[in-house]
PDB file of all heavy atoms in Angstrom:
ATOM      1  N   GLY A   1       7.081-111.501 -74.161  1.00  0.00           N
ATOM      2  CA  GLY A   1       5.961-111.448 -75.091  1.00  0.00           C
ATOM      3  C   GLY A   1       5.460-112.817 -75.520  1.00  0.00           C
ATOM      4  O   GLY A   1       4.288-112.966 -75.815  1.00  0.00           O
ATOM      5  N   PHE A   2       6.349-113.801 -75.609  1.00  0.00           N
ATOM      6  CA  PHE A   2       5.945-115.159 -75.905  1.00  0.00           C
ATOM      7  C   PHE A   2       4.917-115.698 -74.897  1.00  0.00           C
ATOM      8  O   PHE A   2       3.924-116.328 -75.267  1.00  0.00           O
ATOM      9  CB  PHE A   2       7.111-116.098 -75.958  1.00  0.00           C
ATOM     10  CG  PHE A   2       8.059-115.875 -77.137  1.00  0.00           C
ATOM     11  CD1 PHE A   2       9.097-114.981 -77.059  1.00  0.00           C
ATOM     12  CD2 PHE A   2       7.859-116.549 -78.338  1.00  0.00           C
ATOM     13  CE1 PHE A   2       9.961-114.788 -78.112  1.00  0.00           C
ATOM     14  CE2 PHE A   2       8.713-116.337 -79.404  1.00  0.00           C
ATOM     15  CZ  PHE A   2       9.782-115.456 -79.315  1.00  0.00           C
ATOM     16  N   VAL A   3       5.172-115.393 -73.644  1.00  0.00           N
ATOM     17  CA  VAL A   3       4.236-115.804 -72.594  1.00  0.00           C
ATOM     18  C   VAL A   3       2.925-115.084 -72.695  1.00  0.00           C
ATOM     19  O   VAL A   3       1.829-115.614 -72.518  1.00  0.00           O
ATOM     20  CB  VAL A   3       4.854-115.572 -71.166  1.00  0.00           C
ATOM     21  CG1 VAL A   3       3.997-116.186 -70.106  1.00  0.00           C
ATOM     22  CG2 VAL A   3       6.267-116.146 -71.117  1.00  0.00           C
ATOM     23  N   ALA A   4       2.993-113.781 -73.005  1.00  0.00           N
ATOM     24  CA  ALA A   4       1.801-112.957 -73.070  1.00  0.00           C
ATOM     25  C   ALA A   4       0.860-113.418 -74.202  1.00  0.00           C
ATOM     26  O   ALA A   4      -0.353-113.524 -74.029  1.00  0.00           O
ATOM     27  CB  ALA A   4       2.214-111.476 -73.275  1.00  0.00           C
ATOM     28  N   ILE A   5       1.413-113.725 -75.374  1.00  0.00           N
ATOM     29  CA  ILE A   5       0.553-114.174 -76.482  1.00  0.00           C
ATOM     30  C   ILE A   5       0.000-115.573 -76.196  1.00  0.00           C
ATOM     31  O   ILE A   5      -1.100-115.910 -76.601  1.00  0.00           O
ATOM     32  CB  ILE A   5       1.278-114.108 -77.831  1.00  0.00           C
ATOM     33  CG1 ILE A   5       2.480-115.044 -77.890  1.00  0.00           C
ATOM     34  CG2 ILE A   5       1.706-112.689 -78.184  1.00  0.00           C
ATOM     35  CD1 ILE A   5       3.159-115.104 -79.256  1.00  0.00           C
ATOM     36  N   GLY A   6       0.770-116.352 -75.466  1.00  0.00           N
ATOM     37  CA  GLY A   6       0.232-117.662 -75.039  1.00  0.00           C
ATOM     38  C   GLY A   6      -0.928-117.494 -74.114  1.00  0.00           C
ATOM     39  O   GLY A   6      -1.922-118.215 -74.192  1.00  0.00           O
ATOM     40  N   LEU A   7      -0.850-116.491 -73.213  1.00  0.00           N
ATOM     41  CA  LEU A   7      -1.975-116.236 -72.304  1.00  0.00           C
ATOM     42  C   LEU A   7      -3.178-115.682 -73.036  1.00  0.00           C
ATOM     43  O   LEU A   7      -4.302-115.910 -72.626  1.00  0.00           O
ATOM     44  CB  LEU A   7      -1.504-115.246 -71.213  1.00  0.00           C
ATOM     45  CG  LEU A   7      -0.665-115.836 -70.098  1.00  0.00           C
ATOM     46  CD1 LEU A   7      -0.011-114.753 -69.252  1.00  0.00           C
ATOM     47  CD2 LEU A   7      -1.550-116.747 -69.208  1.00  0.00           C
ATOM     48  N   VAL A   8      -2.948-114.961 -74.119  1.00  0.00           N
ATOM     49  CA  VAL A   8      -4.087-114.475 -74.942  1.00  0.00           C
ATOM     50  C   VAL A   8      -4.871-115.685 -75.434  1.00  0.00           C
ATOM     51  O   VAL A   8      -6.116-115.708 -75.424  1.00  0.00           O
ATOM     52  CB  VAL A   8      -3.588-113.594 -76.090  1.00  0.00           C
ATOM     53  CG1 VAL A   8      -4.728-113.344 -77.109  1.00  0.00           C
ATOM     54  CG2 VAL A   8      -3.073-112.270 -75.583  1.00  0.00           C
ATOM     55  N   MET A   9      -4.147-116.679 -75.972  1.00  0.00           N
ATOM     56  CA  MET A   9      -4.830-117.896 -76.503  1.00  0.00           C
ATOM     57  C   MET A   9      -5.487-118.679 -75.343  1.00  0.00           C
ATOM     58  O   MET A   9      -6.598-119.168 -75.495  1.00  0.00           O
ATOM     59  CB  MET A   9      -3.794-118.767 -77.204  1.00  0.00           C
ATOM     60  CG  MET A   9      -3.187-118.163 -78.433  1.00  0.00           C
ATOM     61  SD  MET A   9      -4.387-117.744 -79.709  1.00  0.00           S
ATOM     62  CE  MET A   9      -5.088-119.357 -80.059  1.00  0.00           C
ATOM     63  N   LEU A  10      -4.805-118.771 -74.234  1.00  0.00           N
ATOM     64  CA  LEU A  10      -5.290-119.598 -73.122  1.00  0.00           C
ATOM     65  C   LEU A  10      -6.388-118.914 -72.344  1.00  0.00           C
ATOM     66  O   LEU A  10      -7.431-119.516 -72.067  1.00  0.00           O
ATOM     67  CB  LEU A  10      -4.132-119.960 -72.196  1.00  0.00           C
ATOM     68  CG  LEU A  10      -4.452-120.840 -70.966  1.00  0.00           C
ATOM     69  CD1 LEU A  10      -4.937-122.230 -71.420  1.00  0.00           C
ATOM     70  CD2 LEU A  10      -3.214-120.982 -70.107  1.00  0.00           C
ATOM     71  N   TRP A  11      -6.161-117.644 -72.003  1.00  0.00           N
ATOM     72  CA  TRP A  11      -7.116-116.912 -71.130  1.00  0.00           C
ATOM     73  C   TRP A  11      -8.114-116.135 -71.967  1.00  0.00           C
ATOM     74  O   TRP A  11      -9.332-116.223 -71.714  1.00  0.00           O
ATOM     75  CB  TRP A  11      -6.229-115.955 -70.278  1.00  0.00           C
ATOM     76  CG  TRP A  11      -7.008-115.097 -69.309  1.00  0.00           C
ATOM     77  CD1 TRP A  11      -8.208-115.411 -68.717  1.00  0.00           C
ATOM     78  CD2 TRP A  11      -6.637-113.840 -68.822  1.00  0.00           C
ATOM     79  NE1 TRP A  11      -8.595-114.372 -67.872  1.00  0.00           N
ATOM     80  CE2 TRP A  11      -7.663-113.399 -67.937  1.00  0.00           C
ATOM     81  CE3 TRP A  11      -5.533-113.011 -69.027  1.00  0.00           C
ATOM     82  CZ2 TRP A  11      -7.586-112.204 -67.284  1.00  0.00           C
ATOM     83  CZ3 TRP A  11      -5.448-111.802 -68.401  1.00  0.00           C
ATOM     84  CH2 TRP A  11      -6.485-111.396 -67.523  1.00  0.00           C
ATOM     85  N   GLY A  12      -7.677-115.365 -72.942  1.00  0.00           N
ATOM     86  CA  GLY A  12      -8.582-114.539 -73.695  1.00  0.00           C
ATOM     87  C   GLY A  12      -9.511-115.330 -74.590  1.00  0.00           C
ATOM     88  O   GLY A  12     -10.700-115.095 -74.625  1.00  0.00           O
ATOM     89  N   TRP A  13      -8.969-116.337 -75.303  1.00  0.00           N
ATOM     90  CA  TRP A  13      -9.769-117.119 -76.222  1.00  0.00           C
ATOM     91  C   TRP A  13     -10.301-118.409 -75.602  1.00  0.00           C
ATOM     92  O   TRP A  13     -11.401-118.830 -75.914  1.00  0.00           O
ATOM     93  CB  TRP A  13      -8.972-117.434 -77.506  1.00  0.00           C
ATOM     94  CG  TRP A  13      -8.892-116.262 -78.381  1.00  0.00           C
ATOM     95  CD1 TRP A  13      -8.154-115.107 -78.163  1.00  0.00           C
ATOM     96  CD2 TRP A  13      -9.550-116.050 -79.622  1.00  0.00           C
ATOM     97  NE1 TRP A  13      -8.348-114.201 -79.225  1.00  0.00           N
ATOM     98  CE2 TRP A  13      -9.195-114.771 -80.122  1.00  0.00           C
ATOM     99  CE3 TRP A  13     -10.424-116.840 -80.424  1.00  0.00           C
ATOM    100  CZ2 TRP A  13      -9.660-114.295 -81.332  1.00  0.00           C
ATOM    101  CZ3 TRP A  13     -10.915-116.340 -81.591  1.00  0.00           C
ATOM    102  CH2 TRP A  13     -10.512-115.075 -82.053  1.00  0.00           C
ATOM    103  N   GLY A  14      -9.505-119.007 -74.757  1.00  0.00           N
ATOM    104  CA  GLY A  14      -9.952-120.295 -74.154  1.00  0.00           C
ATOM    105  C   GLY A  14     -10.678-120.132 -72.866  1.00  0.00           C
ATOM    106  O   GLY A  14     -11.346-121.099 -72.403  1.00  0.00           O
ATOM    107  N   GLY A  15     -10.591-118.953 -72.224  1.00  0.00           N
ATOM    108  CA  GLY A  15     -11.304-118.744 -70.969  1.00  0.00           C
ATOM    109  C   GLY A  15     -10.688-119.390 -69.783  1.00  0.00           C
ATOM    110  O   GLY A  15     -11.361-119.516 -68.727  1.00  0.00           O
ATOM    111  N   THR A  16      -9.411-119.815 -69.839  1.00  0.00           N
ATOM    112  CA  THR A  16      -8.755-120.498 -68.730  1.00  0.00           C
ATOM    113  C   THR A  16      -7.561-119.688 -68.285  1.00  0.00           C
ATOM    114  O   THR A  16      -6.615-119.455 -69.082  1.00  0.00           O
ATOM    115  CB  THR A  16      -8.274-121.907 -69.167  1.00  0.00           C
ATOM    116  OG1 THR A  16      -9.376-122.654 -69.626  1.00  0.00           O
ATOM    117  CG2 THR A  16      -7.636-122.615 -67.973  1.00  0.00           C
ATOM    118  N   LEU A  17      -7.603-119.193 -67.072  1.00  0.00           N
ATOM    119  CA  LEU A  17      -6.515-118.379 -66.560  1.00  0.00           C
ATOM    120  C   LEU A  17      -5.487-119.253 -65.889  1.00  0.00           C
ATOM    121  O   LEU A  17      -5.810-120.054 -65.017  1.00  0.00           O
ATOM    122  CB  LEU A  17      -7.027-117.337 -65.570  1.00  0.00           C
ATOM    123  CG  LEU A  17      -5.986-116.470 -64.831  1.00  0.00           C
ATOM    124  CD1 LEU A  17      -5.183-115.685 -65.839  1.00  0.00           C
ATOM    125  CD2 LEU A  17      -6.667-115.588 -63.793  1.00  0.00           C
ATOM    126  N   SER A  18      -4.227-119.086 -66.255  1.00  0.00           N
ATOM    127  CA  SER A  18      -3.108-119.791 -65.610  1.00  0.00           C
ATOM    128  C   SER A  18      -2.226-118.803 -64.910  1.00  0.00           C
ATOM    129  O   SER A  18      -1.847-117.784 -65.472  1.00  0.00           O
ATOM    130  CB  SER A  18      -2.294-120.564 -66.662  1.00  0.00           C
ATOM    131  OG  SER A  18      -1.083-121.031 -66.105  1.00  0.00           O
ATOM    132  N   LEU A  19      -1.913-119.089 -63.654  1.00  0.00           N
ATOM    133  CA  LEU A  19      -1.025-118.247 -62.867  1.00  0.00           C
ATOM    134  C   LEU A  19       0.311-118.925 -62.637  1.00  0.00           C
ATOM    135  O   LEU A  19       1.018-118.644 -61.686  1.00  0.00           O
ATOM    136  CB  LEU A  19      -1.669-117.927 -61.517  1.00  0.00           C
ATOM    137  CG  LEU A  19      -2.971-117.135 -61.566  1.00  0.00           C
ATOM    138  CD1 LEU A  19      -3.506-116.897 -60.112  1.00  0.00           C
ATOM    139  CD2 LEU A  19      -2.780-115.774 -62.264  1.00  0.00           C
ATOM    140  N   GLY A  20       0.678-119.835 -63.573  1.00  0.00           N
ATOM    141  CA  GLY A  20       1.940-120.535 -63.430  1.00  0.00           C
ATOM    142  C   GLY A  20       2.737-120.627 -64.706  1.00  0.00           C
ATOM    143  O   GLY A  20       3.524-121.535 -64.878  1.00  0.00           O
ATOM    144  N   GLN A  21       2.547-119.653 -65.595  1.00  0.00           N
ATOM    145  CA  GLN A  21       3.249-119.726 -66.894  1.00  0.00           C
ATOM    146  C   GLN A  21       4.744-119.532 -66.726  1.00  0.00           C
ATOM    147  O   GLN A  21       5.525-119.885 -67.634  1.00  0.00           O
ATOM    148  CB  GLN A  21       2.676-118.664 -67.855  1.00  0.00           C
ATOM    149  CG  GLN A  21       1.249-118.946 -68.315  1.00  0.00           C
ATOM    150  CD  GLN A  21       1.100-120.305 -68.938  1.00  0.00           C
ATOM    151  OE1 GLN A  21       0.595-121.251 -68.307  1.00  0.00           O
ATOM    152  NE2 GLN A  21       1.501-120.412 -70.186  1.00  0.00           N
ATOM    153  N   GLY A  22       5.170-118.957 -65.637  1.00  0.00           N
ATOM    154  CA  GLY A  22       6.603-118.818 -65.386  1.00  0.00           C
ATOM    155  C   GLY A  22       7.304-120.168 -65.317  1.00  0.00           C
ATOM    156  O   GLY A  22       8.516-120.234 -65.588  1.00  0.00           O
ATOM    157  N   VAL A  23       6.591-121.213 -64.982  1.00  0.00           N
ATOM    158  CA  VAL A  23       7.158-122.547 -64.948  1.00  0.00           C
ATOM    159  C   VAL A  23       7.685-122.959 -66.301  1.00  0.00           C
ATOM    160  O   VAL A  23       8.818-123.406 -66.476  1.00  0.00           O
ATOM    161  CB  VAL A  23       6.103-123.598 -64.434  1.00  0.00           C
ATOM    162  CG1 VAL A  23       6.636-124.999 -64.628  1.00  0.00           C
ATOM    163  CG2 VAL A  23       5.792-123.339 -62.989  1.00  0.00           C
ATOM    164  N   PHE A  24       6.882-122.746 -67.315  1.00  0.00           N
ATOM    165  CA  PHE A  24       7.256-123.168 -68.678  1.00  0.00           C
ATOM    166  C   PHE A  24       8.301-122.237 -69.290  1.00  0.00           C
ATOM    167  O   PHE A  24       9.199-122.692 -70.007  1.00  0.00           O
ATOM    168  CB  PHE A  24       5.988-123.229 -69.534  1.00  0.00           C
ATOM    169  CG  PHE A  24       4.883-123.976 -68.911  1.00  0.00           C
ATOM    170  CD1 PHE A  24       3.696-123.326 -68.535  1.00  0.00           C
ATOM    171  CD2 PHE A  24       5.009-125.326 -68.628  1.00  0.00           C
ATOM    172  CE1 PHE A  24       2.678-124.046 -67.914  1.00  0.00           C
ATOM    173  CE2 PHE A  24       3.982-126.041 -68.019  1.00  0.00           C
ATOM    174  CZ  PHE A  24       2.833-125.380 -67.634  1.00  0.00           C
ATOM    175  N   PHE A  25       8.197-120.970 -68.934  1.00  0.00           N
ATOM    176  CA  PHE A  25       9.242-120.022 -69.336  1.00  0.00           C
ATOM    177  C   PHE A  25      10.572-120.409 -68.732  1.00  0.00           C
ATOM    178  O   PHE A  25      11.599-120.445 -69.401  1.00  0.00           O
ATOM    179  CB  PHE A  25       8.828-118.608 -68.847  1.00  0.00           C
ATOM    180  CG  PHE A  25       9.834-117.525 -69.204  1.00  0.00           C
ATOM    181  CD1 PHE A  25       9.720-116.876 -70.442  1.00  0.00           C
ATOM    182  CD2 PHE A  25      10.820-117.122 -68.351  1.00  0.00           C
ATOM    183  CE1 PHE A  25      10.617-115.859 -70.802  1.00  0.00           C
ATOM    184  CE2 PHE A  25      11.708-116.133 -68.667  1.00  0.00           C
ATOM    185  CZ  PHE A  25      11.614-115.472 -69.892  1.00  0.00           C
TER     186      PHE A  25
END
């Protein structure tokens, strides 16, 4: 869920999709 809420900020609000968040996890 930590990754998912990060993607909400990055993708949903910032408009930037990242397909590599597993790296930081």
